[in-house]
Amino acid sequence: MPGDPAVLASAFNTLLEGFCAVWAAGGGEPIGRILGDDEAIDTLTGLLRHGLTGPRP
């Protein structure tokens, strides 16, 4: 992934922190249903993994 590693790490951290804060508090952008723990964790795992390595082949 192009860019300064420290800046990229900061961007990912902020993105993940924000999602976790909204998810844990149960507030934020309504999605029309309850977001379960497994789905939230899978979403964050996929976002981080594919954000660093690119899309699946």
PDB file of N, CA and C in Angstrom:
ATOM      1  N   MET A   1       0.848  -1.162   0.000  1.00  0.00           N
ATOM      2  CA  MET A   1       0.000   0.000   0.000  1.00  0.00           C
ATOM      3  C   MET A   1       0.902   1.235   0.000  1.00  0.00           C
ATOM      4  N   PRO A   2       0.682   2.167  -0.921  1.00  0.00           N
ATOM      5  CA  PRO A   2       1.543   3.347  -0.982  1.00  0.00           C
ATOM      6  C   PRO A   2       1.269   4.308   0.169  1.00  0.00           C
ATOM      7  N   GLY A   3       2.304   5.007   0.557  1.00  0.00           N
ATOM      8  CA  GLY A   3       2.157   6.015   1.604  1.00  0.00           C
ATOM      9  C   GLY A   3       3.080   5.763   2.771  1.00  0.00           C
ATOM     10  N   ASP A   4       3.202   6.758   3.608  1.00  0.00           N
ATOM     11  CA  ASP A   4       4.025   6.680   4.808  1.00  0.00           C
ATOM     12  C   ASP A   4       3.399   5.666   5.770  1.00  0.00           C
ATOM     13  N   PRO A   5       4.152   4.664   6.221  1.00  0.00           N
ATOM     14  CA  PRO A   5       3.591   3.645   7.109  1.00  0.00           C
ATOM     15  C   PRO A   5       2.968   4.216   8.385  1.00  0.00           C
ATOM     16  N   ALA A   6       3.571   5.254   8.952  1.00  0.00           N
ATOM     17  CA  ALA A   6       3.015   5.842  10.174  1.00  0.00           C
ATOM     18  C   ALA A   6       1.667   6.504   9.906  1.00  0.00           C
ATOM     19  N   VAL A   7       1.543   7.162   8.762  1.00  0.00           N
ATOM     20  CA  VAL A   7       0.275   7.810   8.402  1.00  0.00           C
ATOM     21  C   VAL A   7      -0.793   6.753   8.120  1.00  0.00           C
ATOM     22  N   LEU A   8      -0.422   5.703   7.399  1.00  0.00           N
ATOM     23  CA  LEU A   8      -1.364   4.626   7.111  1.00  0.00           C
ATOM     24  C   LEU A   8      -1.823   3.934   8.395  1.00  0.00           C
ATOM     25  N   ALA A   9      -0.900   3.676   9.302  1.00  0.00           N
ATOM     26  CA  ALA A   9      -1.261   3.056  10.575  1.00  0.00           C
ATOM     27  C   ALA A   9      -2.215   3.945  11.358  1.00  0.00           C
ATOM     28  N   SER A  10      -1.962   5.242  11.354  1.00  0.00           N
ATOM     29  CA  SER A  10      -2.842   6.183  12.039  1.00  0.00           C
ATOM     30  C   SER A  10      -4.234   6.189  11.415  1.00  0.00           C
ATOM     31  N   ALA A  11      -4.299   6.156  10.084  1.00  0.00           N
ATOM     32  CA  ALA A  11      -5.589   6.153   9.395  1.00  0.00           C
ATOM     33  C   ALA A  11      -6.385   4.886   9.722  1.00  0.00           C
ATOM     34  N   PHE A  12      -5.724   3.737   9.674  1.00  0.00           N
ATOM     35  CA  PHE A  12      -6.409   2.490  10.007  1.00  0.00           C
ATOM     36  C   PHE A  12      -6.869   2.495  11.458  1.00  0.00           C
ATOM     37  N   ASN A  13      -6.015   2.960  12.355  1.00  0.00           N
ATOM     38  CA  ASN A  13      -6.364   3.003  13.769  1.00  0.00           C
ATOM     39  C   ASN A  13      -7.594   3.871  14.000  1.00  0.00           C
ATOM     40  N   THR A  14      -7.632   5.040  13.379  1.00  0.00           N
ATOM     41  CA  THR A  14      -8.764   5.945  13.541  1.00  0.00           C
ATOM     42  C   THR A  14     -10.042   5.328  12.988  1.00  0.00           C
ATOM     43  N   LEU A  15      -9.941   4.694  11.834  1.00  0.00           N
ATOM     44  CA  LEU A  15     -11.095   4.038  11.229  1.00  0.00           C
ATOM     45  C   LEU A  15     -11.632   2.934  12.141  1.00  0.00           C
ATOM     46  N   LEU A  16     -10.738   2.093  12.635  1.00  0.00           N
ATOM     47  CA  LEU A  16     -11.147   0.992  13.501  1.00  0.00           C
ATOM     48  C   LEU A  16     -11.689   1.497  14.832  1.00  0.00           C
ATOM     49  N   GLU A  17     -11.030   2.486  15.430  1.00  0.00           N
ATOM     50  CA  GLU A  17     -11.499   3.057  16.692  1.00  0.00           C
ATOM     51  C   GLU A  17     -12.895   3.641  16.554  1.00  0.00           C
ATOM     52  N   GLY A  18     -13.118   4.371  15.473  1.00  0.00           N
ATOM     53  CA  GLY A  18     -14.422   4.981  15.256  1.00  0.00           C
ATOM     54  C   GLY A  18     -15.522   3.945  15.108  1.00  0.00           C
ATOM     55  N   PHE A  19     -15.261   2.913  14.317  1.00  0.00           N
ATOM     56  CA  PHE A  19     -16.248   1.857  14.131  1.00  0.00           C
ATOM     57  C   PHE A  19     -16.528   1.155  15.454  1.00  0.00           C
ATOM     58  N   CYS A  20     -15.474   0.839  16.198  1.00  0.00           N
ATOM     59  CA  CYS A  20     -15.649   0.152  17.482  1.00  0.00           C
ATOM     60  C   CYS A  20     -16.422   1.010  18.475  1.00  0.00           C
ATOM     61  N   ALA A  21     -16.156   2.300  18.499  1.00  0.00           N
ATOM     62  CA  ALA A  21     -16.864   3.193  19.418  1.00  0.00           C
ATOM     63  C   ALA A  21     -18.354   3.227  19.094  1.00  0.00           C
ATOM     64  N   VAL A  22     -18.686   3.328  17.819  1.00  0.00           N
ATOM     65  CA  VAL A  22     -20.093   3.352  17.410  1.00  0.00           C
ATOM     66  C   VAL A  22     -20.741   1.998  17.677  1.00  0.00           C
ATOM     67  N   TRP A  23     -20.055   0.925  17.328  1.00  0.00           N
ATOM     68  CA  TRP A  23     -20.574  -0.426  17.484  1.00  0.00           C
ATOM     69  C   TRP A  23     -20.784  -0.763  18.962  1.00  0.00           C
ATOM     70  N   ALA A  24     -19.802  -0.467  19.813  1.00  0.00           N
ATOM     71  CA  ALA A  24     -19.898  -0.792  21.234  1.00  0.00           C
ATOM     72  C   ALA A  24     -20.964   0.042  21.931  1.00  0.00           C
ATOM     73  N   ALA A  25     -21.127   1.292  21.507  1.00  0.00           N
ATOM     74  CA  ALA A  25     -22.098   2.181  22.141  1.00  0.00           C
ATOM     75  C   ALA A  25     -23.512   1.943  21.619  1.00  0.00           C
ATOM     76  N   GLY A  26     -23.620   1.270  20.482  1.00  0.00           N
ATOM     77  CA  GLY A  26     -24.930   1.007  19.912  1.00  0.00           C
ATOM     78  C   GLY A  26     -25.552   2.217  19.249  1.00  0.00           C
ATOM     79  N   GLY A  27     -24.750   3.230  18.995  1.00  0.00           N
ATOM     80  CA  GLY A  27     -25.274   4.432  18.354  1.00  0.00           C
ATOM     81  C   GLY A  27     -24.742   4.550  16.948  1.00  0.00           C
ATOM     82  N   GLY A  28     -24.692   5.766  16.465  1.00  0.00           N
ATOM     83  CA  GLY A  28     -24.123   6.007  15.149  1.00  0.00           C
ATOM     84  C   GLY A  28     -25.108   5.804  14.027  1.00  0.00           C
ATOM     85  N   GLU A  29     -24.576   5.543  12.874  1.00  0.00           N
ATOM     86  CA  GLU A  29     -25.366   5.409  11.652  1.00  0.00           C
ATOM     87  C   GLU A  29     -26.293   4.198  11.744  1.00  0.00           C
ATOM     88  N   PRO A  30     -27.604   4.401  11.667  1.00  0.00           N
ATOM     89  CA  PRO A  30     -28.515   3.257  11.742  1.00  0.00           C
ATOM     90  C   PRO A  30     -28.429   2.401  10.476  1.00  0.00           C
ATOM     91  N   ILE A  31     -28.395   1.095  10.662  1.00  0.00           N
ATOM     92  CA  ILE A  31     -28.343   0.191   9.506  1.00  0.00           C
ATOM     93  C   ILE A  31     -29.641  -0.595   9.359  1.00  0.00           C
ATOM     94  N   GLY A  32     -30.597  -0.315  10.220  1.00  0.00           N
ATOM     95  CA  GLY A  32     -31.895  -0.965  10.112  1.00  0.00           C
ATOM     96  C   GLY A  32     -31.981  -2.326  10.771  1.00  0.00           C
ATOM     97  N   ARG A  33     -30.940  -2.717  11.473  1.00  0.00           N
ATOM     98  CA  ARG A  33     -30.939  -4.001  12.177  1.00  0.00           C
ATOM     99  C   ARG A  33     -29.851  -3.970  13.240  1.00  0.00           C
ATOM    100  N   ILE A  34     -29.852  -4.968  14.100  1.00  0.00           N
ATOM    101  CA  ILE A  34     -28.829  -5.070  15.139  1.00  0.00           C
ATOM    102  C   ILE A  34     -27.573  -5.687  14.536  1.00  0.00           C
ATOM    103  N   LEU A  35     -26.439  -5.095  14.836  1.00  0.00           N
ATOM    104  CA  LEU A  35     -25.152  -5.619  14.380  1.00  0.00           C
ATOM    105  C   LEU A  35     -24.606  -6.539  15.463  1.00  0.00           C
ATOM    106  N   GLY A  36     -24.504  -7.818  15.153  1.00  0.00           N
ATOM    107  CA  GLY A  36     -24.008  -8.788  16.116  1.00  0.00           C
ATOM    108  C   GLY A  36     -22.494  -8.740  16.248  1.00  0.00           C
ATOM    109  N   ASP A  37     -22.007  -9.285  17.349  1.00  0.00           N
ATOM    110  CA  ASP A  37     -20.569  -9.294  17.614  1.00  0.00           C
ATOM    111  C   ASP A  37     -19.781  -9.978  16.499  1.00  0.00           C
ATOM    112  N   ASP A  38     -20.225 -11.158  16.078  1.00  0.00           N
ATOM    113  CA  ASP A  38     -19.487 -11.906  15.055  1.00  0.00           C
ATOM    114  C   ASP A  38     -19.395 -11.132  13.747  1.00  0.00           C
ATOM    115  N   GLU A  39     -20.506 -10.513  13.339  1.00  0.00           N
ATOM    116  CA  GLU A  39     -20.490  -9.754  12.089  1.00  0.00           C
ATOM    117  C   GLU A  39     -19.583  -8.537  12.200  1.00  0.00           C
ATOM    118  N   ALA A  40     -19.631  -7.853  13.343  1.00  0.00           N
ATOM    119  CA  ALA A  40     -18.778  -6.678  13.534  1.00  0.00           C
ATOM    120  C   ALA A  40     -17.301  -7.071  13.496  1.00  0.00           C
ATOM    121  N   ILE A  41     -16.957  -8.151  14.170  1.00  0.00           N
ATOM    122  CA  ILE A  41     -15.565  -8.613  14.202  1.00  0.00           C
ATOM    123  C   ILE A  41     -15.116  -9.069  12.815  1.00  0.00           C
ATOM    124  N   ASP A  42     -15.965  -9.827  12.124  1.00  0.00           N
ATOM    125  CA  ASP A  42     -15.623 -10.274  10.767  1.00  0.00           C
ATOM    126  C   ASP A  42     -15.446  -9.088   9.820  1.00  0.00           C
ATOM    127  N   THR A  43     -16.304  -8.086   9.958  1.00  0.00           N
ATOM    128  CA  THR A  43     -16.208  -6.895   9.115  1.00  0.00           C
ATOM    129  C   THR A  43     -14.893  -6.172   9.348  1.00  0.00           C
ATOM    130  N   LEU A  44     -14.536  -5.971  10.609  1.00  0.00           N
ATOM    131  CA  LEU A  44     -13.279  -5.288  10.921  1.00  0.00           C
ATOM    132  C   LEU A  44     -12.072  -6.100  10.474  1.00  0.00           C
ATOM    133  N   THR A  45     -12.116  -7.409  10.675  1.00  0.00           N
ATOM    134  CA  THR A  45     -11.010  -8.270  10.257  1.00  0.00           C
ATOM    135  C   THR A  45     -10.813  -8.202   8.749  1.00  0.00           C
ATOM    136  N   GLY A  46     -11.908  -8.317   7.998  1.00  0.00           N
ATOM    137  CA  GLY A  46     -11.821  -8.247   6.540  1.00  0.00           C
ATOM    138  C   GLY A  46     -11.346  -6.891   6.055  1.00  0.00           C
ATOM    139  N   LEU A  47     -11.861  -5.833   6.672  1.00  0.00           N
ATOM    140  CA  LEU A  47     -11.461  -4.479   6.290  1.00  0.00           C
ATOM    141  C   LEU A  47      -9.965  -4.277   6.498  1.00  0.00           C
ATOM    142  N   LEU A  48      -9.466  -4.685   7.633  1.00  0.00           N
ATOM    143  CA  LEU A  48      -8.045  -4.518   7.922  1.00  0.00           C
ATOM    144  C   LEU A  48      -7.193  -5.401   7.008  1.00  0.00           C
ATOM    145  N   ARG A  49      -7.553  -6.671   6.897  1.00  0.00           N
ATOM    146  CA  ARG A  49      -6.756  -7.597   6.082  1.00  0.00           C
ATOM    147  C   ARG A  49      -6.735  -7.184   4.611  1.00  0.00           C
ATOM    148  N   HIS A  50      -7.891  -6.909   4.044  1.00  0.00           N
ATOM    149  CA  HIS A  50      -7.941  -6.571   2.622  1.00  0.00           C
ATOM    150  C   HIS A  50      -7.518  -5.134   2.366  1.00  0.00           C
ATOM    151  N   GLY A  51      -7.634  -4.295   3.375  1.00  0.00           N
ATOM    152  CA  GLY A  51      -7.144  -2.928   3.227  1.00  0.00           C
ATOM    153  C   GLY A  51      -5.628  -2.879   3.126  1.00  0.00           C
ATOM    154  N   LEU A  52      -4.971  -3.831   3.767  1.00  0.00           N
ATOM    155  CA  LEU A  52      -3.508  -3.879   3.722  1.00  0.00           C
ATOM    156  C   LEU A  52      -2.986  -4.695   2.548  1.00  0.00           C
ATOM    157  N   THR A  53      -3.705  -5.752   2.187  1.00  0.00           N
ATOM    158  CA  THR A  53      -3.193  -6.664   1.162  1.00  0.00           C
ATOM    159  C   THR A  53      -3.888  -6.536  -0.185  1.00  0.00           C
ATOM    160  N   GLY A  54      -4.979  -5.819  -0.235  1.00  0.00           N
ATOM    161  CA  GLY A  54      -5.733  -5.677  -1.477  1.00  0.00           C
ATOM    162  C   GLY A  54      -6.848  -6.693  -1.555  1.00  0.00           C
ATOM    163  N   PRO A  55      -7.641  -6.639  -2.622  1.00  0.00           N
ATOM    164  CA  PRO A  55      -8.783  -7.550  -2.748  1.00  0.00           C
ATOM    165  C   PRO A  55      -8.339  -8.989  -2.964  1.00  0.00           C
ATOM    166  N   ARG A  56      -9.260  -9.880  -2.691  1.00  0.00           N
ATOM    167  CA  ARG A  56      -8.996 -11.307  -2.926  1.00  0.00           C
ATOM    168  C   ARG A  56      -8.805 -11.541  -4.420  1.00  0.00           C
ATOM    169  N   PRO A  57      -7.914 -12.464  -4.772  1.00  0.00           N
ATOM    170  CA  PRO A  57      -7.704 -12.759  -6.204  1.00  0.00           C
ATOM    171  C   PRO A  57      -8.909 -13.444  -6.819  1.00  0.00           C
TER     172      PRO A  57
END
